Amino acid sequence: MSTSAREASRRIPLAMVVIRPAKLFDIPEVMRIERESFREAYPRGLFLMFLENNPDTFLVAEYNGKVVGYVMGYLRPDLEGHIMSIAVDKEYRGNGIGSALLTEVIERLIKRGARYIGLEVRVSNENAIRLYERFGFRKVKRIIGYYSDGEDAYYMLLPAEEWRGS
């Protein structure tokens, strides 16, 4: 994150942030954060499907009653825990909220039996790549033209036995 972006962030104590399962009434705020964070936003129906099918791994971060971040994960039949999306409200970035969300979803997926955790990330998203690498994720392959605008993605993987915890 650039210095100017950090300065624009609102400084808050991480201890005041509550991470909890998402609820139906959170969807509008989750979608707002999604739209402001990504060039390609997921449709409302996907969030509703996640809410119904993955209630324990679709999490929000809440500060003073406001949703300031979210993460969506799920367990695939091959026991890959997959992180579909994670984002933090731009006003609250730089406070450790993304790390807290990532920690919680990884721990929940491993508890459900995930042998490894996977995700895709834009090759240009250096901040996210650094975060994932700090957590122990490694670039496994480059997926050519993964995104609809033609940008490539890295598929990154974290074996459960290498998870160090928070």
N, C-alpha and C. Protein backbone atom coordinates (compact mmCIF):
# COMPACT_ATOMS: atom_id res chain seq x y z
N MET A 1 0.85 -1.17 0.00
CA MET A 1 0.00 0.00 0.00
C MET A 1 0.89 1.23 0.00
N SER A 2 0.58 2.20 -0.81
CA SER A 2 1.38 3.41 -0.89
C SER A 2 1.19 4.24 0.38
N THR A 3 2.13 5.16 0.60
CA THR A 3 2.03 6.01 1.77
C THR A 3 0.76 6.84 1.73
N SER A 4 0.43 7.39 0.55
CA SER A 4 -0.78 8.21 0.47
C SER A 4 -2.02 7.39 0.77
N ALA A 5 -2.05 6.13 0.35
CA ALA A 5 -3.20 5.27 0.65
C ALA A 5 -3.27 5.00 2.15
N ARG A 6 -2.10 4.79 2.76
CA ARG A 6 -2.08 4.56 4.21
C ARG A 6 -2.59 5.79 4.95
N GLU A 7 -2.17 6.97 4.51
CA GLU A 7 -2.60 8.20 5.16
C GLU A 7 -4.10 8.39 5.03
N ALA A 8 -4.67 7.90 3.94
CA ALA A 8 -6.11 8.05 3.72
C ALA A 8 -6.90 7.08 4.58
N SER A 9 -6.23 6.03 5.08
CA SER A 9 -6.92 5.03 5.89
C SER A 9 -7.25 5.58 7.26
N ARG A 10 -8.35 5.12 7.79
CA ARG A 10 -8.76 5.49 9.14
C ARG A 10 -8.07 4.54 10.11
N ARG A 11 -7.36 5.08 11.08
CA ARG A 11 -6.64 4.26 12.06
C ARG A 11 -7.63 3.82 13.15
N ILE A 12 -7.70 2.53 13.37
CA ILE A 12 -8.60 1.99 14.39
C ILE A 12 -7.88 0.88 15.14
N PRO A 13 -8.27 0.64 16.39
CA PRO A 13 -7.67 -0.48 17.13
C PRO A 13 -8.27 -1.80 16.65
N LEU A 14 -7.41 -2.71 16.23
CA LEU A 14 -7.87 -4.01 15.72
C LEU A 14 -8.69 -4.76 16.77
N ALA A 15 -8.40 -4.53 18.04
CA ALA A 15 -9.15 -5.19 19.10
C ALA A 15 -10.63 -4.81 19.10
N MET A 16 -10.96 -3.71 18.45
CA MET A 16 -12.36 -3.25 18.37
C MET A 16 -13.09 -3.83 17.16
N VAL A 17 -12.39 -4.59 16.33
CA VAL A 17 -12.99 -5.19 15.14
C VAL A 17 -13.49 -6.59 15.49
N VAL A 18 -14.73 -6.85 15.15
CA VAL A 18 -15.34 -8.16 15.41
C VAL A 18 -15.43 -8.91 14.09
N ILE A 19 -14.92 -10.14 14.07
CA ILE A 19 -15.05 -10.99 12.89
C ILE A 19 -16.14 -12.00 13.20
N ARG A 20 -17.13 -12.05 12.32
CA ARG A 20 -18.30 -12.90 12.56
C ARG A 20 -18.83 -13.42 11.23
N PRO A 21 -19.66 -14.47 11.28
CA PRO A 21 -20.29 -14.95 10.05
C PRO A 21 -21.18 -13.86 9.45
N ALA A 22 -21.18 -13.77 8.14
CA ALA A 22 -22.01 -12.80 7.43
C ALA A 22 -23.48 -13.15 7.60
N LYS A 23 -24.32 -12.13 7.55
CA LYS A 23 -25.77 -12.28 7.61
C LYS A 23 -26.37 -11.62 6.37
N LEU A 24 -27.62 -11.93 6.10
CA LEU A 24 -28.29 -11.38 4.93
C LEU A 24 -28.23 -9.86 4.89
N PHE A 25 -28.40 -9.21 6.03
CA PHE A 25 -28.40 -7.75 6.07
C PHE A 25 -27.02 -7.15 5.80
N ASP A 26 -25.96 -7.96 5.80
CA ASP A 26 -24.61 -7.48 5.49
C ASP A 26 -24.34 -7.38 3.99
N ILE A 27 -25.14 -8.06 3.18
CA ILE A 27 -24.84 -8.19 1.74
C ILE A 27 -24.68 -6.85 1.04
N PRO A 28 -25.54 -5.84 1.27
CA PRO A 28 -25.32 -4.56 0.57
C PRO A 28 -23.94 -3.94 0.86
N GLU A 29 -23.50 -4.00 2.12
CA GLU A 29 -22.18 -3.44 2.45
C GLU A 29 -21.05 -4.28 1.88
N VAL A 30 -21.21 -5.60 1.91
CA VAL A 30 -20.21 -6.48 1.31
C VAL A 30 -20.08 -6.17 -0.18
N MET A 31 -21.21 -5.99 -0.85
CA MET A 31 -21.19 -5.69 -2.28
C MET A 31 -20.56 -4.33 -2.56
N ARG A 32 -20.79 -3.35 -1.68
CA ARG A 32 -20.16 -2.03 -1.84
C ARG A 32 -18.63 -2.17 -1.76
N ILE A 33 -18.16 -2.91 -0.77
CA ILE A 33 -16.71 -3.11 -0.62
C ILE A 33 -16.16 -3.86 -1.82
N GLU A 34 -16.88 -4.87 -2.28
CA GLU A 34 -16.48 -5.65 -3.47
C GLU A 34 -16.33 -4.73 -4.68
N ARG A 35 -17.34 -3.89 -4.92
CA ARG A 35 -17.32 -3.00 -6.09
C ARG A 35 -16.18 -1.99 -6.02
N GLU A 36 -15.89 -1.47 -4.83
CA GLU A 36 -14.83 -0.47 -4.72
C GLU A 36 -13.44 -1.11 -4.77
N SER A 37 -13.37 -2.41 -4.53
CA SER A 37 -12.08 -3.09 -4.45
C SER A 37 -11.64 -3.79 -5.73
N PHE A 38 -12.59 -4.19 -6.56
CA PHE A 38 -12.25 -5.01 -7.72
C PHE A 38 -12.85 -4.46 -9.00
N ARG A 39 -12.11 -4.62 -10.09
CA ARG A 39 -12.61 -4.21 -11.41
C ARG A 39 -13.82 -5.02 -11.82
N GLU A 40 -13.84 -6.28 -11.44
CA GLU A 40 -14.94 -7.19 -11.77
C GLU A 40 -15.61 -7.62 -10.47
N ALA A 41 -16.79 -7.10 -10.23
CA ALA A 41 -17.50 -7.44 -8.99
C ALA A 41 -18.40 -8.65 -9.21
N TYR A 42 -18.47 -9.48 -8.19
CA TYR A 42 -19.37 -10.63 -8.24
C TYR A 42 -20.82 -10.15 -8.14
N PRO A 43 -21.76 -10.89 -8.73
CA PRO A 43 -23.17 -10.51 -8.65
C PRO A 43 -23.76 -10.86 -7.27
N ARG A 44 -24.85 -10.20 -6.94
CA ARG A 44 -25.53 -10.40 -5.66
C ARG A 44 -25.87 -11.87 -5.42
N GLY A 45 -26.29 -12.55 -6.47
CA GLY A 45 -26.67 -13.96 -6.34
C GLY A 45 -25.55 -14.84 -5.81
N LEU A 46 -24.31 -14.53 -6.18
CA LEU A 46 -23.18 -15.32 -5.68
C LEU A 46 -23.03 -15.14 -4.17
N PHE A 47 -23.16 -13.91 -3.71
CA PHE A 47 -23.06 -13.66 -2.26
C PHE A 47 -24.17 -14.39 -1.51
N LEU A 48 -25.38 -14.37 -2.07
CA LEU A 48 -26.50 -15.07 -1.43
C LEU A 48 -26.26 -16.58 -1.40
N MET A 49 -25.71 -17.12 -2.49
CA MET A 49 -25.40 -18.55 -2.54
C MET A 49 -24.34 -18.90 -1.48
N PHE A 50 -23.31 -18.07 -1.38
CA PHE A 50 -22.27 -18.30 -0.38
C PHE A 50 -22.85 -18.26 1.03
N LEU A 51 -23.72 -17.30 1.25
CA LEU A 51 -24.34 -17.15 2.57
C LEU A 51 -25.11 -18.41 2.95
N GLU A 52 -25.81 -18.99 1.99
CA GLU A 52 -26.60 -20.19 2.26
C GLU A 52 -25.73 -21.44 2.37
N ASN A 53 -24.74 -21.58 1.48
CA ASN A 53 -23.97 -22.82 1.41
C ASN A 53 -22.72 -22.85 2.28
N ASN A 54 -22.21 -21.70 2.66
CA ASN A 54 -20.95 -21.63 3.41
C ASN A 54 -21.06 -20.63 4.57
N PRO A 55 -22.05 -20.79 5.42
CA PRO A 55 -22.28 -19.77 6.45
C PRO A 55 -21.15 -19.60 7.45
N ASP A 56 -20.34 -20.64 7.65
CA ASP A 56 -19.26 -20.53 8.63
C ASP A 56 -17.95 -20.03 8.03
N THR A 57 -17.89 -19.90 6.70
CA THR A 57 -16.65 -19.40 6.07
C THR A 57 -16.91 -18.20 5.15
N PHE A 58 -18.06 -17.58 5.29
CA PHE A 58 -18.34 -16.28 4.68
C PHE A 58 -18.40 -15.33 5.88
N LEU A 59 -17.33 -14.59 6.07
CA LEU A 59 -17.15 -13.80 7.28
C LEU A 59 -17.08 -12.31 6.96
N VAL A 60 -17.50 -11.50 7.93
CA VAL A 60 -17.35 -10.06 7.81
C VAL A 60 -16.56 -9.55 9.01
N ALA A 61 -15.89 -8.42 8.79
CA ALA A 61 -15.23 -7.69 9.86
C ALA A 61 -16.11 -6.47 10.13
N GLU A 62 -16.44 -6.27 11.39
CA GLU A 62 -17.35 -5.19 11.77
C GLU A 62 -16.65 -4.28 12.77
N TYR A 63 -16.77 -2.99 12.55
CA TYR A 63 -16.21 -2.00 13.47
C TYR A 63 -17.30 -0.97 13.77
N ASN A 64 -17.63 -0.82 15.03
CA ASN A 64 -18.69 0.12 15.45
C ASN A 64 -19.97 -0.08 14.66
N GLY A 65 -20.35 -1.32 14.43
CA GLY A 65 -21.60 -1.62 13.75
C GLY A 65 -21.55 -1.52 12.24
N LYS A 66 -20.38 -1.20 11.68
CA LYS A 66 -20.24 -1.06 10.23
C LYS A 66 -19.38 -2.20 9.68
N VAL A 67 -19.83 -2.81 8.58
CA VAL A 67 -19.03 -3.83 7.91
C VAL A 67 -17.87 -3.13 7.20
N VAL A 68 -16.63 -3.53 7.55
CA VAL A 68 -15.45 -2.88 6.99
C VAL A 68 -14.58 -3.85 6.19
N GLY A 69 -15.01 -5.10 6.09
CA GLY A 69 -14.28 -6.08 5.30
C GLY A 69 -15.03 -7.40 5.28
N TYR A 70 -14.61 -8.28 4.37
CA TYR A 70 -15.24 -9.59 4.28
C TYR A 70 -14.27 -10.58 3.65
N VAL A 71 -14.57 -11.86 3.84
CA VAL A 71 -13.85 -12.94 3.16
C VAL A 71 -14.85 -14.05 2.89
N MET A 72 -14.72 -14.67 1.72
CA MET A 72 -15.57 -15.81 1.36
C MET A 72 -14.68 -17.00 1.05
N GLY A 73 -14.88 -18.07 1.79
CA GLY A 73 -14.13 -19.29 1.54
C GLY A 73 -15.07 -20.48 1.50
N TYR A 74 -14.60 -21.58 0.94
CA TYR A 74 -15.40 -22.80 0.91
C TYR A 74 -14.48 -24.00 0.82
N LEU A 75 -15.02 -25.15 1.20
CA LEU A 75 -14.27 -26.40 1.15
C LEU A 75 -14.73 -27.20 -0.05
N ARG A 76 -13.80 -27.49 -0.96
CA ARG A 76 -14.12 -28.28 -2.15
C ARG A 76 -14.12 -29.76 -1.80
N PRO A 77 -14.76 -30.59 -2.65
CA PRO A 77 -14.79 -32.04 -2.39
C PRO A 77 -13.40 -32.68 -2.30
N ASP A 78 -12.41 -32.10 -3.00
CA ASP A 78 -11.05 -32.66 -2.95
C ASP A 78 -10.28 -32.17 -1.71
N LEU A 79 -11.00 -31.55 -0.78
CA LEU A 79 -10.46 -31.03 0.48
C LEU A 79 -9.51 -29.85 0.28
N GLU A 80 -9.69 -29.13 -0.82
CA GLU A 80 -9.02 -27.83 -0.93
C GLU A 80 -9.94 -26.80 -0.33
N GLY A 81 -9.43 -26.08 0.64
CA GLY A 81 -10.13 -24.89 1.11
C GLY A 81 -9.81 -23.80 0.11
N HIS A 82 -10.83 -23.15 -0.40
CA HIS A 82 -10.59 -22.14 -1.43
C HIS A 82 -11.09 -20.79 -0.96
N ILE A 83 -10.26 -19.77 -1.12
CA ILE A 83 -10.65 -18.41 -0.78
C ILE A 83 -11.10 -17.74 -2.07
N MET A 84 -12.39 -17.47 -2.12
CA MET A 84 -13.01 -16.90 -3.32
C MET A 84 -12.77 -15.40 -3.43
N SER A 85 -12.87 -14.70 -2.30
CA SER A 85 -12.73 -13.25 -2.33
C SER A 85 -12.44 -12.74 -0.92
N ILE A 86 -11.63 -11.71 -0.85
CA ILE A 86 -11.35 -11.02 0.41
C ILE A 86 -11.10 -9.56 0.08
N ALA A 87 -11.69 -8.67 0.87
CA ALA A 87 -11.50 -7.24 0.64
C ALA A 87 -11.80 -6.47 1.92
N VAL A 88 -11.16 -5.31 2.02
CA VAL A 88 -11.36 -4.40 3.15
C VAL A 88 -11.73 -3.04 2.59
N ASP A 89 -12.69 -2.39 3.23
CA ASP A 89 -13.09 -1.03 2.87
C ASP A 89 -11.84 -0.16 2.78
N LYS A 90 -11.74 0.62 1.72
CA LYS A 90 -10.52 1.41 1.49
C LYS A 90 -10.22 2.36 2.65
N GLU A 91 -11.23 2.82 3.37
CA GLU A 91 -11.00 3.72 4.50
C GLU A 91 -10.34 3.02 5.68
N TYR A 92 -10.41 1.70 5.71
CA TYR A 92 -9.93 0.96 6.88
C TYR A 92 -8.74 0.06 6.57
N ARG A 93 -8.19 0.18 5.38
CA ARG A 93 -7.03 -0.64 5.03
C ARG A 93 -5.81 -0.21 5.84
N GLY A 94 -4.92 -1.15 6.08
CA GLY A 94 -3.70 -0.84 6.83
C GLY A 94 -3.85 -1.02 8.33
N ASN A 95 -4.96 -1.58 8.77
CA ASN A 95 -5.20 -1.80 10.19
C ASN A 95 -5.10 -3.27 10.61
N GLY A 96 -4.75 -4.15 9.68
CA GLY A 96 -4.64 -5.57 9.99
C GLY A 96 -5.95 -6.34 9.83
N ILE A 97 -6.97 -5.69 9.28
CA ILE A 97 -8.27 -6.34 9.13
C ILE A 97 -8.20 -7.47 8.11
N GLY A 98 -7.52 -7.25 6.99
CA GLY A 98 -7.36 -8.30 5.99
C GLY A 98 -6.64 -9.52 6.57
N SER A 99 -5.60 -9.27 7.34
CA SER A 99 -4.87 -10.38 7.98
C SER A 99 -5.76 -11.13 8.97
N ALA A 100 -6.56 -10.39 9.73
CA ALA A 100 -7.45 -11.04 10.70
C ALA A 100 -8.50 -11.89 9.99
N LEU A 101 -9.07 -11.37 8.90
CA LEU A 101 -10.05 -12.14 8.14
C LEU A 101 -9.41 -13.39 7.53
N LEU A 102 -8.23 -13.23 6.96
CA LEU A 102 -7.53 -14.35 6.34
C LEU A 102 -7.20 -15.43 7.37
N THR A 103 -6.71 -15.01 8.52
CA THR A 103 -6.41 -15.96 9.60
C THR A 103 -7.65 -16.76 9.99
N GLU A 104 -8.74 -16.05 10.20
CA GLU A 104 -9.97 -16.73 10.66
C GLU A 104 -10.50 -17.71 9.63
N VAL A 105 -10.53 -17.31 8.35
CA VAL A 105 -11.08 -18.22 7.34
C VAL A 105 -10.16 -19.43 7.14
N ILE A 106 -8.85 -19.23 7.18
CA ILE A 106 -7.92 -20.36 7.05
C ILE A 106 -8.14 -21.34 8.20
N GLU A 107 -8.22 -20.83 9.42
CA GLU A 107 -8.41 -21.71 10.57
C GLU A 107 -9.73 -22.47 10.50
N ARG A 108 -10.77 -21.81 10.04
CA ARG A 108 -12.07 -22.48 9.91
C ARG A 108 -12.03 -23.55 8.83
N LEU A 109 -11.38 -23.26 7.71
CA LEU A 109 -11.30 -24.24 6.62
C LEU A 109 -10.47 -25.46 7.04
N ILE A 110 -9.37 -25.23 7.73
CA ILE A 110 -8.55 -26.35 8.21
C ILE A 110 -9.33 -27.18 9.23
N LYS A 111 -10.06 -26.52 10.10
CA LYS A 111 -10.88 -27.24 11.08
C LYS A 111 -11.93 -28.11 10.39
N ARG A 112 -12.40 -27.70 9.23
CA ARG A 112 -13.39 -28.47 8.47
C ARG A 112 -12.74 -29.59 7.65
N GLY A 113 -11.40 -29.67 7.66
CA GLY A 113 -10.73 -30.77 6.99
C GLY A 113 -9.89 -30.41 5.78
N ALA A 114 -9.74 -29.12 5.50
CA ALA A 114 -8.93 -28.72 4.34
C ALA A 114 -7.49 -29.18 4.52
N ARG A 115 -6.96 -29.81 3.49
CA ARG A 115 -5.55 -30.23 3.50
C ARG A 115 -4.65 -29.12 2.98
N TYR A 116 -5.22 -28.24 2.20
CA TYR A 116 -4.49 -27.08 1.70
C TYR A 116 -5.51 -26.00 1.37
N ILE A 117 -5.01 -24.77 1.27
CA ILE A 117 -5.85 -23.61 0.97
C ILE A 117 -5.33 -23.01 -0.33
N GLY A 118 -6.23 -22.76 -1.27
CA GLY A 118 -5.85 -22.18 -2.55
C GLY A 118 -6.60 -20.89 -2.82
N LEU A 119 -6.05 -20.10 -3.72
CA LEU A 119 -6.70 -18.86 -4.15
C LEU A 119 -6.08 -18.40 -5.46
N GLU A 120 -6.79 -17.53 -6.15
CA GLU A 120 -6.26 -16.86 -7.34
C GLU A 120 -6.13 -15.38 -7.02
N VAL A 121 -5.10 -14.77 -7.58
CA VAL A 121 -4.86 -13.34 -7.37
C VAL A 121 -4.29 -12.74 -8.65
N ARG A 122 -4.71 -11.52 -8.96
CA ARG A 122 -4.18 -10.83 -10.14
C ARG A 122 -2.66 -10.69 -10.01
N VAL A 123 -1.94 -10.92 -11.10
CA VAL A 123 -0.48 -10.78 -11.05
C VAL A 123 -0.07 -9.35 -10.71
N SER A 124 -0.93 -8.39 -10.98
CA SER A 124 -0.62 -6.98 -10.70
C SER A 124 -0.93 -6.58 -9.26
N ASN A 125 -1.58 -7.43 -8.48
CA ASN A 125 -1.99 -7.08 -7.13
C ASN A 125 -0.86 -7.41 -6.14
N GLU A 126 0.17 -6.59 -6.17
CA GLU A 126 1.37 -6.84 -5.38
C GLU A 126 1.10 -6.83 -3.88
N ASN A 127 0.22 -5.95 -3.42
CA ASN A 127 -0.08 -5.91 -1.99
C ASN A 127 -0.69 -7.21 -1.51
N ALA A 128 -1.65 -7.73 -2.27
CA ALA A 128 -2.30 -9.00 -1.89
C ALA A 128 -1.30 -10.15 -1.95
N ILE A 129 -0.47 -10.17 -2.99
CA ILE A 129 0.52 -11.25 -3.13
C ILE A 129 1.47 -11.25 -1.93
N ARG A 130 1.93 -10.06 -1.51
CA ARG A 130 2.80 -9.97 -0.33
C ARG A 130 2.10 -10.49 0.92
N LEU A 131 0.83 -10.12 1.09
CA LEU A 131 0.06 -10.59 2.24
C LEU A 131 -0.01 -12.11 2.23
N TYR A 132 -0.38 -12.69 1.10
CA TYR A 132 -0.52 -14.14 1.01
C TYR A 132 0.82 -14.83 1.25
N GLU A 133 1.90 -14.27 0.73
CA GLU A 133 3.23 -14.87 0.96
C GLU A 133 3.61 -14.81 2.43
N ARG A 134 3.27 -13.73 3.12
CA ARG A 134 3.54 -13.65 4.57
C ARG A 134 2.80 -14.76 5.32
N PHE A 135 1.67 -15.17 4.79
CA PHE A 135 0.88 -16.23 5.42
C PHE A 135 1.37 -17.62 5.03
N GLY A 136 2.35 -17.69 4.14
CA GLY A 136 2.90 -18.98 3.74
C GLY A 136 2.41 -19.51 2.40
N PHE A 137 1.55 -18.75 1.72
CA PHE A 137 1.11 -19.16 0.38
C PHE A 137 2.28 -19.06 -0.58
N ARG A 138 2.30 -19.98 -1.55
CA ARG A 138 3.32 -19.95 -2.60
C ARG A 138 2.64 -19.94 -3.96
N LYS A 139 3.27 -19.25 -4.89
CA LYS A 139 2.77 -19.25 -6.27
C LYS A 139 3.02 -20.63 -6.86
N VAL A 140 1.95 -21.27 -7.32
CA VAL A 140 2.05 -22.61 -7.88
C VAL A 140 2.06 -22.54 -9.40
N LYS A 141 1.22 -21.69 -9.94
CA LYS A 141 1.20 -21.54 -11.40
C LYS A 141 0.61 -20.19 -11.78
N ARG A 142 0.89 -19.81 -12.99
CA ARG A 142 0.33 -18.59 -13.57
C ARG A 142 -0.78 -19.03 -14.52
N ILE A 143 -1.96 -18.46 -14.37
CA ILE A 143 -3.11 -18.80 -15.21
C ILE A 143 -3.28 -17.68 -16.22
N ILE A 144 -2.99 -17.99 -17.47
CA ILE A 144 -3.02 -16.99 -18.54
C ILE A 144 -4.46 -16.55 -18.82
N GLY A 145 -4.66 -15.22 -18.86
CA GLY A 145 -5.96 -14.66 -19.22
C GLY A 145 -7.10 -15.03 -18.28
N TYR A 146 -6.81 -15.23 -17.02
CA TYR A 146 -7.82 -15.68 -16.05
C TYR A 146 -8.98 -14.69 -15.91
N TYR A 147 -8.65 -13.41 -15.89
CA TYR A 147 -9.69 -12.39 -15.70
C TYR A 147 -10.26 -11.95 -17.04
N SER A 148 -11.48 -11.44 -17.02
CA SER A 148 -12.17 -11.10 -18.27
C SER A 148 -11.47 -9.97 -19.04
N ASP A 149 -10.66 -9.17 -18.35
CA ASP A 149 -9.91 -8.12 -19.05
C ASP A 149 -8.60 -8.65 -19.63
N GLY A 150 -8.37 -9.95 -19.50
CA GLY A 150 -7.19 -10.58 -20.07
C GLY A 150 -6.01 -10.72 -19.13
N GLU A 151 -6.09 -10.11 -17.95
CA GLU A 151 -4.96 -10.19 -17.02
C GLU A 151 -4.81 -11.62 -16.50
N ASP A 152 -3.56 -12.00 -16.28
CA ASP A 152 -3.25 -13.31 -15.72
C ASP A 152 -3.47 -13.32 -14.21
N ALA A 153 -3.57 -14.51 -13.67
CA ALA A 153 -3.67 -14.70 -12.22
C ALA A 153 -2.58 -15.67 -11.79
N TYR A 154 -2.18 -15.53 -10.54
CA TYR A 154 -1.37 -16.57 -9.91
C TYR A 154 -2.33 -17.45 -9.12
N TYR A 155 -2.12 -18.76 -9.22
CA TYR A 155 -2.79 -19.69 -8.31
C TYR A 155 -1.80 -19.89 -7.18
N MET A 156 -2.21 -19.58 -5.96
CA MET A 156 -1.34 -19.69 -4.79
C MET A 156 -1.90 -20.75 -3.85
N LEU A 157 -0.99 -21.43 -3.17
CA LEU A 157 -1.38 -22.57 -2.35
C LEU A 157 -0.67 -22.53 -1.00
N LEU A 158 -1.40 -22.91 0.04
CA LEU A 158 -0.86 -23.04 1.39
C LEU A 158 -1.22 -24.42 1.91
N PRO A 159 -0.24 -25.34 2.04
CA PRO A 159 -0.55 -26.64 2.65
C PRO A 159 -0.94 -26.45 4.12
N ALA A 160 -1.98 -27.15 4.55
CA ALA A 160 -2.48 -27.00 5.92
C ALA A 160 -1.39 -27.29 6.95
N GLU A 161 -0.52 -28.27 6.66
CA GLU A 161 0.51 -28.61 7.65
C GLU A 161 1.57 -27.51 7.80
N GLU A 162 1.59 -26.56 6.87
CA GLU A 162 2.54 -25.45 6.97
C GLU A 162 1.92 -24.21 7.61
N TRP A 163 0.63 -24.28 7.92
CA TRP A 163 -0.04 -23.13 8.53
C TRP A 163 0.52 -22.90 9.92
N ARG A 164 0.98 -21.69 10.15
CA ARG A 164 1.60 -21.32 11.42
C ARG A 164 0.59 -20.75 12.41
N GLY A 165 -0.58 -20.43 11.94
CA GLY A 165 -1.57 -19.80 12.81
C GLY A 165 -1.31 -18.32 12.95
N SER A 166 -2.16 -17.70 13.71
CA SER A 166 -2.09 -16.23 13.82
C SER A 166 -0.99 -15.76 14.74
